[in-house]
Amino acid sequence: MLRHPDGSLLLMELELIEPYLYPEQGARLGRLIAKAVKARLKAA
């Protein structure tokens, strides 16, 4: 994060791909992540 001249915060970088979440980390990982994201979106 960095500050805009008006004092607000700006996002510099957003990691959308996390190498540790690749499928070789577990056969069911994709389904588990999808289930967790879906549950989180419903709760929001």
PDB file of N, CA and C in Angstrom:
ATOM      1  N   MET A   1       0.848  -1.165   0.000  1.00  0.00           N
ATOM      2  CA  MET A   1       0.000   0.000   0.000  1.00  0.00           C
ATOM      3  C   MET A   1       0.899   1.236   0.000  1.00  0.00           C
ATOM      4  N   LEU A   2       0.386   2.279  -0.584  1.00  0.00           N
ATOM      5  CA  LEU A   2       1.061   3.563  -0.522  1.00  0.00           C
ATOM      6  C   LEU A   2       0.009   4.648  -0.418  1.00  0.00           C
ATOM      7  N   ARG A   3       0.431   5.837  -0.078  1.00  0.00           N
ATOM      8  CA  ARG A   3      -0.502   6.952   0.118  1.00  0.00           C
ATOM      9  C   ARG A   3      -0.626   7.799  -1.158  1.00  0.00           C
ATOM     10  N   HIS A   4      -1.850   8.091  -1.509  1.00  0.00           N
ATOM     11  CA  HIS A   4      -2.170   9.015  -2.592  1.00  0.00           C
ATOM     12  C   HIS A   4      -1.925  10.424  -2.043  1.00  0.00           C
ATOM     13  N   PRO A   5      -1.661  11.418  -2.891  1.00  0.00           N
ATOM     14  CA  PRO A   5      -1.472  12.776  -2.385  1.00  0.00           C
ATOM     15  C   PRO A   5      -2.624  13.283  -1.512  1.00  0.00           C
ATOM     16  N   ASP A   6      -3.844  12.748  -1.723  1.00  0.00           N
ATOM     17  CA  ASP A   6      -4.970  13.188  -0.885  1.00  0.00           C
ATOM     18  C   ASP A   6      -5.028  12.460   0.457  1.00  0.00           C
ATOM     19  N   GLY A   7      -4.059  11.550   0.705  1.00  0.00           N
ATOM     20  CA  GLY A   7      -3.998  10.839   1.975  1.00  0.00           C
ATOM     21  C   GLY A   7      -4.640   9.469   1.973  1.00  0.00           C
ATOM     22  N   SER A   8      -5.406   9.136   0.933  1.00  0.00           N
ATOM     23  CA  SER A   8      -6.040   7.818   0.880  1.00  0.00           C
ATOM     24  C   SER A   8      -5.001   6.748   0.549  1.00  0.00           C
ATOM     25  N   LEU A   9      -5.326   5.507   0.881  1.00  0.00           N
ATOM     26  CA  LEU A   9      -4.423   4.401   0.595  1.00  0.00           C
ATOM     27  C   LEU A   9      -4.673   3.858  -0.796  1.00  0.00           C
ATOM     28  N   LEU A  10      -3.596   3.477  -1.475  1.00  0.00           N
ATOM     29  CA  LEU A  10      -3.673   2.878  -2.799  1.00  0.00           C
ATOM     30  C   LEU A  10      -3.054   1.488  -2.762  1.00  0.00           C
ATOM     31  N   LEU A  11      -3.615   0.590  -3.514  1.00  0.00           N
ATOM     32  CA  LEU A  11      -3.097  -0.771  -3.610  1.00  0.00           C
ATOM     33  C   LEU A  11      -2.017  -0.798  -4.681  1.00  0.00           C
ATOM     34  N   MET A  12      -0.851  -1.322  -4.346  1.00  0.00           N
ATOM     35  CA  MET A  12       0.251  -1.398  -5.302  1.00  0.00           C
ATOM     36  C   MET A  12       0.272  -2.738  -6.029  1.00  0.00           C
ATOM     37  N   GLU A  13      -0.086  -3.800  -5.334  1.00  0.00           N
ATOM     38  CA  GLU A  13       0.049  -5.127  -5.905  1.00  0.00           C
ATOM     39  C   GLU A  13      -0.986  -6.051  -5.295  1.00  0.00           C
ATOM     40  N   LEU A  14      -1.524  -6.946  -6.111  1.00  0.00           N
ATOM     41  CA  LEU A  14      -2.489  -7.934  -5.643  1.00  0.00           C
ATOM     42  C   LEU A  14      -2.086  -9.276  -6.210  1.00  0.00           C
ATOM     43  N   GLU A  15      -1.787 -10.220  -5.342  1.00  0.00           N
ATOM     44  CA  GLU A  15      -1.398 -11.559  -5.778  1.00  0.00           C
ATOM     45  C   GLU A  15      -2.659 -12.359  -6.085  1.00  0.00           C
ATOM     46  N   LEU A  16      -2.859 -12.694  -7.352  1.00  0.00           N
ATOM     47  CA  LEU A  16      -4.028 -13.468  -7.742  1.00  0.00           C
ATOM     48  C   LEU A  16      -3.703 -14.940  -7.947  1.00  0.00           C
ATOM     49  N   ILE A  17      -2.437 -15.238  -8.089  1.00  0.00           N
ATOM     50  CA  ILE A  17      -2.017 -16.629  -8.273  1.00  0.00           C
ATOM     51  C   ILE A  17      -0.998 -16.941  -7.189  1.00  0.00           C
ATOM     52  N   GLU A  18      -1.329 -17.875  -6.362  1.00  0.00           N
ATOM     53  CA  GLU A  18      -0.435 -18.276  -5.270  1.00  0.00           C
ATOM     54  C   GLU A  18       0.143 -19.644  -5.611  1.00  0.00           C
ATOM     55  N   PRO A  19       1.454 -19.732  -5.839  1.00  0.00           N
ATOM     56  CA  PRO A  19       2.040 -21.013  -6.254  1.00  0.00           C
ATOM     57  C   PRO A  19       1.798 -22.152  -5.274  1.00  0.00           C
ATOM     58  N   TYR A  20       1.576 -21.866  -4.013  1.00  0.00           N
ATOM     59  CA  TYR A  20       1.366 -22.934  -3.039  1.00  0.00           C
ATOM     60  C   TYR A  20      -0.048 -23.501  -3.100  1.00  0.00           C
ATOM     61  N   LEU A  21      -0.892 -22.971  -3.965  1.00  0.00           N
ATOM     62  CA  LEU A  21      -2.247 -23.478  -4.104  1.00  0.00           C
ATOM     63  C   LEU A  21      -2.405 -24.335  -5.361  1.00  0.00           C
ATOM     64  N   TYR A  22      -1.331 -24.705  -5.979  1.00  0.00           N
ATOM     65  CA  TYR A  22      -1.401 -25.531  -7.182  1.00  0.00           C
ATOM     66  C   TYR A  22      -1.912 -26.924  -6.829  1.00  0.00           C
ATOM     67  N   PRO A  23      -2.541 -27.594  -7.781  1.00  0.00           N
ATOM     68  CA  PRO A  23      -3.155 -28.907  -7.523  1.00  0.00           C
ATOM     69  C   PRO A  23      -2.211 -29.975  -6.990  1.00  0.00           C
ATOM     70  N   GLU A  24      -0.919 -29.898  -7.286  1.00  0.00           N
ATOM     71  CA  GLU A  24      -0.030 -30.954  -6.788  1.00  0.00           C
ATOM     72  C   GLU A  24       0.062 -30.951  -5.266  1.00  0.00           C
ATOM     73  N   GLN A  25      -0.480 -29.926  -4.627  1.00  0.00           N
ATOM     74  CA  GLN A  25      -0.471 -29.871  -3.170  1.00  0.00           C
ATOM     75  C   GLN A  25      -1.519 -30.804  -2.567  1.00  0.00           C
ATOM     76  N   GLY A  26      -2.391 -31.345  -3.372  1.00  0.00           N
ATOM     77  CA  GLY A  26      -3.390 -32.287  -2.874  1.00  0.00           C
ATOM     78  C   GLY A  26      -4.465 -32.518  -3.918  1.00  0.00           C
ATOM     79  N   ALA A  27      -4.870 -33.747  -4.052  1.00  0.00           N
ATOM     80  CA  ALA A  27      -5.836 -34.106  -5.093  1.00  0.00           C
ATOM     81  C   ALA A  27      -7.180 -33.397  -4.922  1.00  0.00           C
ATOM     82  N   ARG A  28      -7.571 -33.118  -3.684  1.00  0.00           N
ATOM     83  CA  ARG A  28      -8.875 -32.499  -3.422  1.00  0.00           C
ATOM     84  C   ARG A  28      -8.787 -30.993  -3.207  1.00  0.00           C
ATOM     85  N   LEU A  29      -7.613 -30.431  -3.365  1.00  0.00           N
ATOM     86  CA  LEU A  29      -7.404 -29.031  -3.017  1.00  0.00           C
ATOM     87  C   LEU A  29      -8.311 -28.082  -3.788  1.00  0.00           C
ATOM     88  N   GLY A  30      -8.468 -28.297  -5.083  1.00  0.00           N
ATOM     89  CA  GLY A  30      -9.310 -27.422  -5.885  1.00  0.00           C
ATOM     90  C   GLY A  30     -10.742 -27.370  -5.377  1.00  0.00           C
ATOM     91  N   ARG A  31     -11.317 -28.535  -5.081  1.00  0.00           N
ATOM     92  CA  ARG A  31     -12.687 -28.589  -4.556  1.00  0.00           C
ATOM     93  C   ARG A  31     -12.793 -27.937  -3.190  1.00  0.00           C
ATOM     94  N   LEU A  32     -11.796 -28.140  -2.349  1.00  0.00           N
ATOM     95  CA  LEU A  32     -11.819 -27.550  -1.009  1.00  0.00           C
ATOM     96  C   LEU A  32     -11.736 -26.029  -1.069  1.00  0.00           C
ATOM     97  N   ILE A  33     -10.886 -25.516  -1.947  1.00  0.00           N
ATOM     98  CA  ILE A  33     -10.767 -24.063  -2.090  1.00  0.00           C
ATOM     99  C   ILE A  33     -12.060 -23.484  -2.634  1.00  0.00           C
ATOM    100  N   ALA A  34     -12.630 -24.129  -3.658  1.00  0.00           N
ATOM    101  CA  ALA A  34     -13.887 -23.648  -4.234  1.00  0.00           C
ATOM    102  C   ALA A  34     -14.997 -23.634  -3.190  1.00  0.00           C
ATOM    103  N   LYS A  35     -15.066 -24.667  -2.381  1.00  0.00           N
ATOM    104  CA  LYS A  35     -16.086 -24.746  -1.326  1.00  0.00           C
ATOM    105  C   LYS A  35     -15.887 -23.621  -0.308  1.00  0.00           C
ATOM    106  N   ALA A  36     -14.642 -23.363   0.084  1.00  0.00           N
ATOM    107  CA  ALA A  36     -14.352 -22.314   1.061  1.00  0.00           C
ATOM    108  C   ALA A  36     -14.681 -20.930   0.503  1.00  0.00           C
ATOM    109  N   VAL A  37     -14.339 -20.687  -0.763  1.00  0.00           N
ATOM    110  CA  VAL A  37     -14.641 -19.384  -1.376  1.00  0.00           C
ATOM    111  C   VAL A  37     -16.149 -19.191  -1.478  1.00  0.00           C
ATOM    112  N   LYS A  38     -16.849 -20.230  -1.898  1.00  0.00           N
ATOM    113  CA  LYS A  38     -18.310 -20.156  -2.022  1.00  0.00           C
ATOM    114  C   LYS A  38     -18.944 -19.855  -0.663  1.00  0.00           C
ATOM    115  N   ALA A  39     -18.500 -20.516   0.381  1.00  0.00           N
ATOM    116  CA  ALA A  39     -19.038 -20.274   1.723  1.00  0.00           C
ATOM    117  C   ALA A  39     -18.746 -18.851   2.179  1.00  0.00           C
ATOM    118  N   ARG A  40     -17.556 -18.368   1.878  1.00  0.00           N
ATOM    119  CA  ARG A  40     -17.178 -17.006   2.282  1.00  0.00           C
ATOM    120  C   ARG A  40     -18.012 -15.964   1.541  1.00  0.00           C
ATOM    121  N   LEU A  41     -18.270 -16.192   0.256  1.00  0.00           N
ATOM    122  CA  LEU A  41     -19.076 -15.254  -0.512  1.00  0.00           C
ATOM    123  C   LEU A  41     -20.519 -15.228  -0.017  1.00  0.00           C
ATOM    124  N   LYS A  42     -21.039 -16.366   0.392  1.00  0.00           N
ATOM    125  CA  LYS A  42     -22.401 -16.413   0.919  1.00  0.00           C
ATOM    126  C   LYS A  42     -22.497 -15.670   2.252  1.00  0.00           C
ATOM    127  N   ALA A  43     -21.407 -15.708   3.041  1.00  0.00           N
ATOM    128  CA  ALA A  43     -21.398 -15.074   4.357  1.00  0.00           C
ATOM    129  C   ALA A  43     -21.233 -13.550   4.258  1.00  0.00           C
ATOM    130  N   ALA A  44     -20.707 -13.081   3.132  1.00  0.00           N
ATOM    131  CA  ALA A  44     -20.411 -11.646   2.977  1.00  0.00           C
ATOM    132  C   ALA A  44     -21.651 -10.819   2.694  1.00  0.00           C
TER     133      ALA A  44
END
